[in-house]
Amino acid sequence: MPEILLDDKTYVSAVGETVLDTLNRSGATVPSSCHRGICQTCLMRAIDGSVPAESQKGLKDTLRVRGYFLACQCTPTETLRIERPGAEARRLAATVRAITPLNHEIVLVALECSDMGDYRAGQFINVFKDEGLSRSYSLASAPGIDPDLTLHVRKIEEGRVSGWIHGALQVGDHVTISQPLGECFYLPSDPEQPLLLMGTGSGLAPLYGIIRDALHHGHRGPIHLYHGSSHKDGLYLIDELRALAHKHASVHYHPCVSREEPSEDLRRGRVVDIALSDLTGLGDFRVFLCGHPDMVQSAKKRLYLAGASLKNIYADAFIRSAA
């Protein structure tokens, strides 16, 4: 009979029994609700072994490619080593290689981490100030392009971690980080698919990684990047993104400001409003959102109502609070 390995324990699955049934019968605590593969409460990740395709039905492709499956729908045919969501985020040691201002409130932090292994542009890591205090920051770097991990850290008033990064962290310092997390990344499964990337403030970080990663993998479909801020001095990497758009005809870069009269090279308004006025056929797009949680939730709703598929909207749900 197939065995299920979880939390250093081994569970033997009975004939026709799902992973969830096996674990529940054996006394393991696994969150679950509908038992029909709808609520996704019983989401687990296979580290070793293959899960049947039906156990991944309805999951986003970024979850499937990382081995996630629904325990209530998985009747194993071979031994599986599995883990709970987020368990892969073990802590790693990193060294600060550079701290570079991007504008008046955002710095680029470059980290060398020899134990990082594989990661995806657009994922995020947790940075620990001390044992009990950490914050999540998206990766602006792309594997195969950037030698170091890079973060865009905005200084938050009275922020305990961002204040430490801006005011005390030095090149050469050693810091503790997590392994990468999150599902907001590019997959080269459909190189012709149009992409919509939308962010505000330091929410540009994962989008900067994703757009370069897509091009690195030969993406041929149109790529529309909308980056917004209330004022022009909140924007950054303008020259780099314009150069990228100039080099690649498929890239369309739209810097936007919402609270001042823009110069000729900027657009006036909120990124969601401008994108919706520009684009049609959103049902064909893969969408990446990053920025203030309120903006992300509002944009997700409006894009869905405009025809975008929720399955094709990617936005990690970590909260940028008191950074």
C-alpha atoms as a PDB file:
ATOM      1  CA  MET A   1       0.000   0.000   0.000  1.00  0.00           C
ATOM      2  CA  PRO A   2       1.244   3.545  -0.681  1.00  0.00           C
ATOM      3  CA  GLU A   3       2.817   5.317   2.269  1.00  0.00           C
ATOM      4  CA  ILE A   4       2.325   8.983   3.194  1.00  0.00           C
ATOM      5  CA  LEU A   5       5.309  10.656   4.889  1.00  0.00           C
ATOM      6  CA  LEU A   6       4.421  13.829   6.821  1.00  0.00           C
ATOM      7  CA  ASP A   7       6.037  15.548   9.817  1.00  0.00           C
ATOM      8  CA  ASP A   8       8.620  12.739  10.237  1.00  0.00           C
ATOM      9  CA  LYS A   9       5.823  10.163  10.523  1.00  0.00           C
ATOM     10  CA  THR A  10       4.684   7.461   8.101  1.00  0.00           C
ATOM     11  CA  TYR A  11       1.039   6.689   7.389  1.00  0.00           C
ATOM     12  CA  VAL A  12      -0.132   3.686   5.341  1.00  0.00           C
ATOM     13  CA  SER A  13      -2.958   4.395   2.916  1.00  0.00           C
ATOM     14  CA  ALA A  14      -5.747   1.838   2.485  1.00  0.00           C
ATOM     15  CA  VAL A  15      -7.072   0.817  -0.935  1.00  0.00           C
ATOM     16  CA  GLY A  16      -9.037   3.654  -2.555  1.00  0.00           C
ATOM     17  CA  GLU A  17      -8.334   5.993   0.363  1.00  0.00           C
ATOM     18  CA  THR A  18      -7.422   9.636  -0.181  1.00  0.00           C
ATOM     19  CA  VAL A  19      -4.463  11.299   1.495  1.00  0.00           C
ATOM     20  CA  LEU A  20      -6.873  13.296   3.641  1.00  0.00           C
ATOM     21  CA  ASP A  21      -8.761  10.178   4.735  1.00  0.00           C
ATOM     22  CA  THR A  22      -5.509   8.401   5.582  1.00  0.00           C
ATOM     23  CA  LEU A  23      -4.232  11.272   7.693  1.00  0.00           C
ATOM     24  CA  ASN A  24      -7.541  11.837   9.452  1.00  0.00           C
ATOM     25  CA  ARG A  25      -7.923   8.128  10.211  1.00  0.00           C
ATOM     26  CA  SER A  26      -4.427   8.065  11.666  1.00  0.00           C
ATOM     27  CA  GLY A  27      -4.950  11.068  13.925  1.00  0.00           C
ATOM     28  CA  ALA A  28      -2.965  13.673  11.968  1.00  0.00           C
ATOM     29  CA  THR A  29      -4.389  17.188  12.102  1.00  0.00           C
ATOM     30  CA  VAL A  30      -5.077  18.487   8.594  1.00  0.00           C
ATOM     31  CA  PRO A  31      -7.382  21.458   7.874  1.00  0.00           C
ATOM     32  CA  SER A  32     -10.308  20.506   5.666  1.00  0.00           C
ATOM     33  CA  SER A  33     -13.831  21.617   4.909  1.00  0.00           C
ATOM     34  CA  CYS A  34     -15.800  20.642   1.803  1.00  0.00           C
ATOM     35  CA  HIS A  35     -14.045  17.330   0.972  1.00  0.00           C
ATOM     36  CA  ARG A  36     -14.963  17.931  -2.670  1.00  0.00           C
ATOM     37  CA  GLY A  37     -11.926  19.830  -3.954  1.00  0.00           C
ATOM     38  CA  ILE A  38     -13.695  23.178  -3.979  1.00  0.00           C
ATOM     39  CA  CYS A  39     -12.615  25.071  -0.856  1.00  0.00           C
ATOM     40  CA  GLN A  40      -8.894  24.127  -1.180  1.00  0.00           C
ATOM     41  CA  THR A  41      -8.578  24.122   2.623  1.00  0.00           C
ATOM     42  CA  CYS A  42      -6.719  20.775   2.528  1.00  0.00           C
ATOM     43  CA  LEU A  43      -3.965  22.052   0.208  1.00  0.00           C
ATOM     44  CA  MET A  44      -0.689  20.137   0.670  1.00  0.00           C
ATOM     45  CA  ARG A  45       2.635  19.969  -1.177  1.00  0.00           C
ATOM     46  CA  ALA A  46       4.334  16.837  -2.530  1.00  0.00           C
ATOM     47  CA  ILE A  47       8.096  16.896  -2.057  1.00  0.00           C
ATOM     48  CA  ASP A  48       8.759  13.401  -3.403  1.00  0.00           C
ATOM     49  CA  GLY A  49       6.452  11.276  -5.534  1.00  0.00           C
ATOM     50  CA  SER A  50       3.836  12.081  -8.150  1.00  0.00           C
ATOM     51  CA  VAL A  51       0.237  12.967  -7.395  1.00  0.00           C
ATOM     52  CA  PRO A  52      -2.660  12.168  -9.760  1.00  0.00           C
ATOM     53  CA  ALA A  53      -3.798  14.950 -12.075  1.00  0.00           C
ATOM     54  CA  GLU A  54      -7.286  15.059 -10.564  1.00  0.00           C
ATOM     55  CA  SER A  55      -5.816  16.117  -7.218  1.00  0.00           C
ATOM     56  CA  GLN A  56      -4.517  19.322  -8.845  1.00  0.00           C
ATOM     57  CA  LYS A  57      -7.689  20.152 -10.745  1.00  0.00           C
ATOM     58  CA  GLY A  58      -8.733  23.778 -10.235  1.00  0.00           C
ATOM     59  CA  LEU A  59      -5.354  24.891  -8.877  1.00  0.00           C
ATOM     60  CA  LYS A  60      -3.387  27.669 -10.501  1.00  0.00           C
ATOM     61  CA  ASP A  61      -0.508  26.451 -12.622  1.00  0.00           C
ATOM     62  CA  THR A  62       1.972  28.168 -10.291  1.00  0.00           C
ATOM     63  CA  LEU A  63       0.729  25.880  -7.508  1.00  0.00           C
ATOM     64  CA  ARG A  64       0.745  22.763  -9.662  1.00  0.00           C
ATOM     65  CA  VAL A  65       4.304  23.289 -10.849  1.00  0.00           C
ATOM     66  CA  ARG A  66       5.479  23.477  -7.225  1.00  0.00           C
ATOM     67  CA  GLY A  67       3.814  20.196  -6.294  1.00  0.00           C
ATOM     68  CA  TYR A  68       0.705  21.441  -4.490  1.00  0.00           C
ATOM     69  CA  PHE A  69      -2.383  19.217  -4.495  1.00  0.00           C
ATOM     70  CA  LEU A  70      -5.729  18.765  -2.753  1.00  0.00           C
ATOM     71  CA  ALA A  71      -5.468  16.034  -0.140  1.00  0.00           C
ATOM     72  CA  CYS A  72      -9.204  15.242  -0.342  1.00  0.00           C
ATOM     73  CA  GLN A  73      -8.909  14.481  -4.065  1.00  0.00           C
ATOM     74  CA  CYS A  74      -5.608  12.598  -3.989  1.00  0.00           C
ATOM     75  CA  THR A  75      -5.773   8.813  -4.031  1.00  0.00           C
ATOM     76  CA  PRO A  76      -2.068   7.974  -4.102  1.00  0.00           C
ATOM     77  CA  THR A  77      -0.606   5.315  -6.369  1.00  0.00           C
ATOM     78  CA  GLU A  78       2.909   5.522  -4.916  1.00  0.00           C
ATOM     79  CA  THR A  79       4.684   6.613  -1.765  1.00  0.00           C
ATOM     80  CA  LEU A  80       4.450  10.369  -1.197  1.00  0.00           C
ATOM     81  CA  ARG A  81       6.539  12.642   0.993  1.00  0.00           C
ATOM     82  CA  ILE A  82       4.392  15.695   1.637  1.00  0.00           C
ATOM     83  CA  GLU A  83       4.447  18.886   3.661  1.00  0.00           C
ATOM     84  CA  ARG A  84       2.039  21.570   4.774  1.00  0.00           C
ATOM     85  CA  PRO A  85       1.778  24.893   2.871  1.00  0.00           C
ATOM     86  CA  GLY A  86       4.586  27.262   3.852  1.00  0.00           C
ATOM     87  CA  ALA A  87       6.698  24.533   5.444  1.00  0.00           C
ATOM     88  CA  GLU A  88       9.350  25.051   2.766  1.00  0.00           C
ATOM     89  CA  ALA A  89      10.162  28.497   4.152  1.00  0.00           C
ATOM     90  CA  ARG A  90      13.132  27.482   6.266  1.00  0.00           C
ATOM     91  CA  ARG A  91      15.514  30.205   7.360  1.00  0.00           C
ATOM     92  CA  LEU A  92      18.696  30.959   5.452  1.00  0.00           C
ATOM     93  CA  ALA A  93      21.747  33.148   5.999  1.00  0.00           C
ATOM     94  CA  ALA A  94      22.397  36.007   3.573  1.00  0.00           C
ATOM     95  CA  THR A  95      24.967  38.782   3.225  1.00  0.00           C
ATOM     96  CA  VAL A  96      24.167  42.373   2.227  1.00  0.00           C
ATOM     97  CA  ARG A  97      26.070  43.203  -0.958  1.00  0.00           C
ATOM     98  CA  ALA A  98      24.589  46.622  -1.778  1.00  0.00           C
ATOM     99  CA  ILE A  99      22.112  49.209  -0.556  1.00  0.00           C
ATOM    100  CA  THR A 100      21.229  51.660  -3.311  1.00  0.00           C
ATOM    101  CA  PRO A 101      18.644  54.479  -3.254  1.00  0.00           C
ATOM    102  CA  LEU A 102      15.980  54.191  -5.956  1.00  0.00           C
ATOM    103  CA  ASN A 103      14.083  57.333  -4.963  1.00  0.00           C
ATOM    104  CA  HIS A 104      13.578  59.413  -1.825  1.00  0.00           C
ATOM    105  CA  GLU A 105      11.868  56.594   0.114  1.00  0.00           C
ATOM    106  CA  ILE A 106      12.849  53.304  -1.537  1.00  0.00           C
ATOM    107  CA  VAL A 107      16.202  51.520  -1.487  1.00  0.00           C
ATOM    108  CA  LEU A 108      17.388  48.495  -3.411  1.00  0.00           C
ATOM    109  CA  VAL A 109      18.881  45.868  -1.107  1.00  0.00           C
ATOM    110  CA  ALA A 110      21.053  43.218  -2.778  1.00  0.00           C
ATOM    111  CA  LEU A 111      21.551  39.976  -0.843  1.00  0.00           C
ATOM    112  CA  GLU A 112      23.929  37.127  -1.547  1.00  0.00           C
ATOM    113  CA  CYS A 113      22.556  33.763  -0.405  1.00  0.00           C
ATOM    114  CA  SER A 114      24.467  30.679  -1.500  1.00  0.00           C
ATOM    115  CA  ASP A 115      21.814  28.316  -0.082  1.00  0.00           C
ATOM    116  CA  MET A 116      18.835  29.885  -1.816  1.00  0.00           C
ATOM    117  CA  GLY A 117      18.618  27.315  -4.608  1.00  0.00           C
ATOM    118  CA  ASP A 118      15.838  27.716  -7.150  1.00  0.00           C
ATOM    119  CA  TYR A 119      13.429  30.613  -6.945  1.00  0.00           C
ATOM    120  CA  ARG A 120      11.034  32.407  -9.249  1.00  0.00           C
ATOM    121  CA  ALA A 121      11.051  36.091 -10.118  1.00  0.00           C
ATOM    122  CA  GLY A 122       8.092  37.700  -8.354  1.00  0.00           C
ATOM    123  CA  GLN A 123       8.102  35.494  -5.260  1.00  0.00           C
ATOM    124  CA  PHE A 124       8.733  37.019  -1.836  1.00  0.00           C
ATOM    125  CA  ILE A 125      10.984  36.315   1.129  1.00  0.00           C
ATOM    126  CA  ASN A 126      10.741  37.140   4.807  1.00  0.00           C
ATOM    127  CA  VAL A 127      13.555  39.279   6.219  1.00  0.00           C
ATOM    128  CA  PHE A 128      14.189  38.881   9.952  1.00  0.00           C
ATOM    129  CA  LYS A 129      15.379  41.794  12.059  1.00  0.00           C
ATOM    130  CA  ASP A 130      15.551  39.453  15.025  1.00  0.00           C
ATOM    131  CA  GLU A 131      14.081  36.128  16.113  1.00  0.00           C
ATOM    132  CA  GLY A 132      10.551  37.441  16.535  1.00  0.00           C
ATOM    133  CA  LEU A 133      10.322  40.300  14.038  1.00  0.00           C
ATOM    134  CA  SER A 134      10.186  39.925  10.265  1.00  0.00           C
ATOM    135  CA  ARG A 135       8.575  41.467   7.201  1.00  0.00           C
ATOM    136  CA  SER A 136       7.823  40.138   3.715  1.00  0.00           C
ATOM    137  CA  TYR A 137       9.471  41.717   0.678  1.00  0.00           C
ATOM    138  CA  SER A 138       8.993  40.771  -2.966  1.00  0.00           C
ATOM    139  CA  LEU A 139      11.982  39.768  -5.066  1.00  0.00           C
ATOM    140  CA  ALA A 140      12.845  42.188  -7.856  1.00  0.00           C
ATOM    141  CA  SER A 141      15.623  39.936  -9.109  1.00  0.00           C
ATOM    142  CA  ALA A 142      15.332  37.237 -11.744  1.00  0.00           C
ATOM    143  CA  PRO A 143      17.319  33.966 -11.753  1.00  0.00           C
ATOM    144  CA  GLY A 144      19.741  33.696 -14.628  1.00  0.00           C
ATOM    145  CA  ILE A 145      19.841  37.497 -14.940  1.00  0.00           C
ATOM    146  CA  ASP A 146      20.800  38.932 -11.538  1.00  0.00           C
ATOM    147  CA  PRO A 147      23.695  37.572  -9.460  1.00  0.00           C
ATOM    148  CA  ASP A 148      22.051  38.518  -6.154  1.00  0.00           C
ATOM    149  CA  LEU A 149      18.577  38.585  -4.676  1.00  0.00           C
ATOM    150  CA  THR A 150      17.245  42.136  -4.778  1.00  0.00           C
ATOM    151  CA  LEU A 151      14.489  43.812  -2.786  1.00  0.00           C
ATOM    152  CA  HIS A 152      12.881  47.252  -3.064  1.00  0.00           C
ATOM    153  CA  VAL A 153      12.291  48.431   0.501  1.00  0.00           C
ATOM    154  CA  ARG A 154      10.164  51.502   1.159  1.00  0.00           C
ATOM    155  CA  LYS A 155      10.720  53.289   4.458  1.00  0.00           C
ATOM    156  CA  ILE A 156       7.533  53.300   6.517  1.00  0.00           C
ATOM    157  CA  GLU A 157       7.040  55.869   9.249  1.00  0.00           C
ATOM    158  CA  GLU A 158       7.828  54.140  12.557  1.00  0.00           C
ATOM    159  CA  GLY A 159       8.408  50.904  10.641  1.00  0.00           C
ATOM    160  CA  ARG A 160      10.552  48.646  12.793  1.00  0.00           C
ATOM    161  CA  VAL A 161      12.006  46.587   9.942  1.00  0.00           C
ATOM    162  CA  SER A 162      12.093  49.143   7.128  1.00  0.00           C
ATOM    163  CA  GLY A 163      13.522  51.701   9.560  1.00  0.00           C
ATOM    164  CA  TRP A 164      16.262  49.242  10.501  1.00  0.00           C
ATOM    165  CA  ILE A 165      17.017  48.509   6.830  1.00  0.00           C
ATOM    166  CA  HIS A 166      17.138  52.206   5.903  1.00  0.00           C
ATOM    167  CA  GLY A 167      18.922  53.432   9.012  1.00  0.00           C
ATOM    168  CA  ALA A 168      21.154  50.688  10.397  1.00  0.00           C
ATOM    169  CA  LEU A 169      21.777  47.912   7.887  1.00  0.00           C
ATOM    170  CA  GLN A 170      25.196  48.086   6.236  1.00  0.00           C
ATOM    171  CA  VAL A 171      26.937  46.427   3.316  1.00  0.00           C
ATOM    172  CA  GLY A 172      28.637  43.310   4.619  1.00  0.00           C
ATOM    173  CA  ASP A 173      26.074  42.664   7.347  1.00  0.00           C
ATOM    174  CA  HIS A 174      24.662  39.173   7.752  1.00  0.00           C
ATOM    175  CA  VAL A 175      20.886  38.789   7.847  1.00  0.00           C
ATOM    176  CA  THR A 176      18.420  35.931   8.160  1.00  0.00           C
ATOM    177  CA  ILE A 177      15.865  35.395   5.409  1.00  0.00           C
ATOM    178  CA  SER A 178      13.321  32.734   4.499  1.00  0.00           C
ATOM    179  CA  GLN A 179      13.253  30.623   1.408  1.00  0.00           C
ATOM    180  CA  PRO A 180      11.049  32.141  -1.328  1.00  0.00           C
ATOM    181  CA  LEU A 181       7.278  31.908  -1.051  1.00  0.00           C
ATOM    182  CA  GLY A 182       4.314  32.893  -3.163  1.00  0.00           C
ATOM    183  CA  GLU A 183       2.590  32.103  -6.426  1.00  0.00           C
ATOM    184  CA  CYS A 184       2.978  35.448  -8.225  1.00  0.00           C
ATOM    185  CA  PHE A 185       5.508  34.440 -10.874  1.00  0.00           C
ATOM    186  CA  TYR A 186       5.830  33.854 -14.610  1.00  0.00           C
ATOM    187  CA  LEU A 187       5.647  30.417 -16.225  1.00  0.00           C
ATOM    188  CA  PRO A 188       6.753  29.973 -19.860  1.00  0.00           C
ATOM    189  CA  SER A 189       3.762  27.767 -20.683  1.00  0.00           C
ATOM    190  CA  ASP A 190       2.129  30.178 -23.174  1.00  0.00           C
ATOM    191  CA  PRO A 191       4.679  32.547 -24.758  1.00  0.00           C
ATOM    192  CA  GLU A 192       2.006  34.234 -26.893  1.00  0.00           C
ATOM    193  CA  GLN A 193      -0.342  35.124 -24.015  1.00  0.00           C
ATOM    194  CA  PRO A 194      -0.697  38.872 -23.326  1.00  0.00           C
ATOM    195  CA  LEU A 195       0.523  39.909 -19.882  1.00  0.00           C
ATOM    196  CA  LEU A 196      -0.766  42.761 -17.709  1.00  0.00           C
ATOM    197  CA  LEU A 197       1.456  43.876 -14.842  1.00  0.00           C
ATOM    198  CA  MET A 198       0.071  46.487 -12.485  1.00  0.00           C
ATOM    199  CA  GLY A 199       1.661  47.927  -9.352  1.00  0.00           C
ATOM    200  CA  THR A 200       1.976  50.974  -7.137  1.00  0.00           C
ATOM    201  CA  GLY A 201       4.945  52.243  -5.138  1.00  0.00           C
ATOM    202  CA  SER A 202       7.449  49.527  -4.235  1.00  0.00           C
ATOM    203  CA  GLY A 203       4.962  47.055  -5.694  1.00  0.00           C
ATOM    204  CA  LEU A 204       7.041  47.515  -8.845  1.00  0.00           C
ATOM    205  CA  ALA A 205       9.623  45.111  -7.343  1.00  0.00           C
ATOM    206  CA  PRO A 206       8.094  41.744  -8.341  1.00  0.00           C
ATOM    207  CA  LEU A 207       6.842  43.162 -11.640  1.00  0.00           C
ATOM    208  CA  TYR A 208      10.373  44.253 -12.546  1.00  0.00           C
ATOM    209  CA  GLY A 209      11.552  40.706 -11.955  1.00  0.00           C
ATOM    210  CA  ILE A 210       8.618  39.110 -13.779  1.00  0.00           C
ATOM    211  CA  ILE A 211       8.865  41.243 -16.919  1.00  0.00           C
ATOM    212  CA  ARG A 212      12.577  40.560 -17.319  1.00  0.00           C
ATOM    213  CA  ASP A 213      12.111  36.874 -16.542  1.00  0.00           C
ATOM    214  CA  ALA A 214       9.383  36.604 -19.199  1.00  0.00           C
ATOM    215  CA  LEU A 215      11.614  38.211 -21.804  1.00  0.00           C
ATOM    216  CA  HIS A 216      14.525  36.017 -20.710  1.00  0.00           C
ATOM    217  CA  HIS A 217      12.340  32.977 -21.436  1.00  0.00           C
ATOM    218  CA  GLY A 218      11.443  34.299 -24.897  1.00  0.00           C
ATOM    219  CA  HIS A 219       7.923  35.545 -24.207  1.00  0.00           C
ATOM    220  CA  ARG A 220       6.498  36.877 -27.466  1.00  0.00           C
ATOM    221  CA  GLY A 221       3.049  38.156 -26.482  1.00  0.00           C
ATOM    222  CA  PRO A 222       2.416  41.818 -25.600  1.00  0.00           C
ATOM    223  CA  ILE A 223       3.436  42.903 -22.089  1.00  0.00           C
ATOM    224  CA  HIS A 224       1.749  45.947 -20.538  1.00  0.00           C
ATOM    225  CA  LEU A 225       3.294  47.358 -17.355  1.00  0.00           C
ATOM    226  CA  TYR A 226       1.427  50.060 -15.431  1.00  0.00           C
ATOM    227  CA  HIS A 227       3.307  51.546 -12.472  1.00  0.00           C
ATOM    228  CA  GLY A 228       1.627  54.222 -10.401  1.00  0.00           C
ATOM    229  CA  SER A 229       2.307  56.653  -7.588  1.00  0.00           C
ATOM    230  CA  SER A 230       0.549  59.685  -6.238  1.00  0.00           C
ATOM    231  CA  HIS A 231       3.432  61.933  -7.360  1.00  0.00           C
ATOM    232  CA  LYS A 232       6.289  61.661  -9.838  1.00  0.00           C
ATOM    233  CA  ASP A 233       8.927  61.404  -7.124  1.00  0.00           C
ATOM    234  CA  GLY A 234       7.319  58.134  -6.035  1.00  0.00           C
ATOM    235  CA  LEU A 235       8.169  56.492  -9.355  1.00  0.00           C
ATOM    236  CA  TYR A 236      11.539  54.880 -10.027  1.00  0.00           C
ATOM    237  CA  LEU A 237      13.448  52.779 -12.589  1.00  0.00           C
ATOM    238  CA  ILE A 238      11.792  54.937 -15.243  1.00  0.00           C
ATOM    239  CA  ASP A 239      14.853  55.058 -17.492  1.00  0.00           C
ATOM    240  CA  GLU A 240      15.496  51.325 -17.164  1.00  0.00           C
ATOM    241  CA  LEU A 241      11.909  50.434 -18.035  1.00  0.00           C
ATOM    242  CA  ARG A 242      11.808  52.834 -20.963  1.00  0.00           C
ATOM    243  CA  ALA A 243      15.012  51.276 -22.265  1.00  0.00           C
ATOM    244  CA  LEU A 244      13.420  47.845 -21.913  1.00  0.00           C
ATOM    245  CA  ALA A 245      10.365  48.993 -23.877  1.00  0.00           C
ATOM    246  CA  HIS A 246      12.602  50.541 -26.534  1.00  0.00           C
ATOM    247  CA  LYS A 247      14.543  47.292 -26.905  1.00  0.00           C
ATOM    248  CA  HIS A 248      11.479  45.040 -27.009  1.00  0.00           C
ATOM    249  CA  ALA A 249       8.546  46.059 -29.211  1.00  0.00           C
ATOM    250  CA  SER A 250       6.247  43.797 -27.198  1.00  0.00           C
ATOM    251  CA  VAL A 251       6.796  45.789 -23.981  1.00  0.00           C
ATOM    252  CA  HIS A 252       4.535  48.758 -23.224  1.00  0.00           C
ATOM    253  CA  TYR A 253       5.481  50.779 -20.132  1.00  0.00           C
ATOM    254  CA  HIS A 254       3.015  53.239 -18.585  1.00  0.00           C
ATOM    255  CA  PRO A 255       4.243  55.373 -15.633  1.00  0.00           C
ATOM    256  CA  CYS A 256       1.226  57.002 -13.954  1.00  0.00           C
ATOM    257  CA  VAL A 257       0.646  59.690 -11.323  1.00  0.00           C
ATOM    258  CA  SER A 258      -2.695  60.247  -9.616  1.00  0.00           C
ATOM    259  CA  ARG A 259      -2.312  63.489  -7.628  1.00  0.00           C
ATOM    260  CA  GLU A 260      -0.399  65.917  -9.776  1.00  0.00           C
ATOM    261  CA  GLU A 261      -0.433  67.206 -13.306  1.00  0.00           C
ATOM    262  CA  PRO A 262       1.934  64.955 -15.220  1.00  0.00           C
ATOM    263  CA  SER A 263       4.607  65.989 -17.662  1.00  0.00           C
ATOM    264  CA  GLU A 264       4.344  64.847 -21.250  1.00  0.00           C
ATOM    265  CA  ASP A 265       6.025  61.532 -20.516  1.00  0.00           C
ATOM    266  CA  LEU A 266       3.676  60.492 -17.683  1.00  0.00           C
ATOM    267  CA  ARG A 267      -0.014  59.636 -17.572  1.00  0.00           C
ATOM    268  CA  ARG A 268      -2.561  61.115 -15.153  1.00  0.00           C
ATOM    269  CA  GLY A 269      -4.782  58.804 -13.156  1.00  0.00           C
ATOM    270  CA  ARG A 270      -4.861  55.568 -11.197  1.00  0.00           C
ATOM    271  CA  VAL A 271      -3.263  52.542 -12.788  1.00  0.00           C
ATOM    272  CA  VAL A 272      -6.469  50.491 -12.755  1.00  0.00           C
ATOM    273  CA  ASP A 273      -8.476  53.219 -14.482  1.00  0.00           C
ATOM    274  CA  ILE A 274      -5.833  53.779 -17.137  1.00  0.00           C
ATOM    275  CA  ALA A 275      -5.327  50.077 -17.823  1.00  0.00           C
ATOM    276  CA  LEU A 276      -9.066  49.479 -18.173  1.00  0.00           C
ATOM    277  CA  SER A 277      -9.343  52.401 -20.578  1.00  0.00           C
ATOM    278  CA  ASP A 278      -6.468  51.060 -22.698  1.00  0.00           C
ATOM    279  CA  LEU A 279      -7.087  47.327 -22.886  1.00  0.00           C
ATOM    280  CA  THR A 280      -9.816  45.065 -24.172  1.00  0.00           C
ATOM    281  CA  GLY A 281     -10.123  41.300 -24.290  1.00  0.00           C
ATOM    282  CA  LEU A 282      -8.920  40.895 -20.707  1.00  0.00           C
ATOM    283  CA  GLY A 283     -10.111  37.295 -20.682  1.00  0.00           C
ATOM    284  CA  ASP A 284      -7.000  36.431 -22.690  1.00  0.00           C
ATOM    285  CA  PHE A 285      -4.562  38.096 -20.293  1.00  0.00           C
ATOM    286  CA  ARG A 286      -2.449  36.760 -17.473  1.00  0.00           C
ATOM    287  CA  VAL A 287      -2.460  39.456 -14.787  1.00  0.00           C
ATOM    288  CA  PHE A 288       0.055  40.235 -12.036  1.00  0.00           C
ATOM    289  CA  LEU A 289      -0.863  42.711  -9.278  1.00  0.00           C
ATOM    290  CA  CYS A 290       1.286  44.133  -6.502  1.00  0.00           C
ATOM    291  CA  GLY A 291       1.054  47.150  -4.223  1.00  0.00           C
ATOM    292  CA  HIS A 292      -1.138  48.304  -1.376  1.00  0.00           C
ATOM    293  CA  PRO A 293      -3.564  45.487  -0.403  1.00  0.00           C
ATOM    294  CA  ASP A 294      -6.584  47.758  -0.927  1.00  0.00           C
ATOM    295  CA  MET A 295      -5.441  48.564  -4.455  1.00  0.00           C
ATOM    296  CA  VAL A 296      -4.797  44.902  -5.210  1.00  0.00           C
ATOM    297  CA  GLN A 297      -8.229  43.796  -4.005  1.00  0.00           C
ATOM    298  CA  SER A 298     -10.007  46.600  -5.840  1.00  0.00           C
ATOM    299  CA  ALA A 299      -8.071  45.939  -9.045  1.00  0.00           C
ATOM    300  CA  LYS A 300      -8.742  42.216  -8.863  1.00  0.00           C
ATOM    301  CA  LYS A 301     -12.483  42.841  -8.571  1.00  0.00           C
ATOM    302  CA  ARG A 302     -12.616  45.405 -11.350  1.00  0.00           C
ATOM    303  CA  LEU A 303     -10.499  43.340 -13.726  1.00  0.00           C
ATOM    304  CA  TYR A 304     -12.683  40.309 -13.091  1.00  0.00           C
ATOM    305  CA  LEU A 305     -15.826  42.314 -13.794  1.00  0.00           C
ATOM    306  CA  ALA A 306     -14.151  43.539 -16.993  1.00  0.00           C
ATOM    307  CA  GLY A 307     -13.641  39.970 -18.175  1.00  0.00           C
ATOM    308  CA  ALA A 308     -10.352  38.768 -16.689  1.00  0.00           C
ATOM    309  CA  SER A 309     -10.363  35.207 -15.363  1.00  0.00           C
ATOM    310  CA  LEU A 310      -9.713  34.903 -11.605  1.00  0.00           C
ATOM    311  CA  LYS A 311      -7.593  31.864 -12.406  1.00  0.00           C
ATOM    312  CA  ASN A 312      -5.276  34.113 -14.408  1.00  0.00           C
ATOM    313  CA  ILE A 313      -4.955  36.894 -11.810  1.00  0.00           C
ATOM    314  CA  TYR A 314      -1.878  36.518  -9.611  1.00  0.00           C
ATOM    315  CA  ALA A 315      -1.376  38.532  -6.450  1.00  0.00           C
ATOM    316  CA  ASP A 316       0.296  37.254  -3.280  1.00  0.00           C
ATOM    317  CA  ALA A 317      -1.648  37.960  -0.142  1.00  0.00           C
ATOM    318  CA  PHE A 318       1.056  38.973   2.298  1.00  0.00           C
ATOM    319  CA  ILE A 319       0.266  42.188   4.137  1.00  0.00           C
ATOM    320  CA  ARG A 320       2.578  45.177   4.046  1.00  0.00           C
ATOM    321  CA  SER A 321       1.842  46.378   7.535  1.00  0.00           C
ATOM    322  CA  ALA A 322       4.056  48.451   9.822  1.00  0.00           C
ATOM    323  CA  ALA A 323       7.140  47.568   7.793  1.00  0.00           C
END
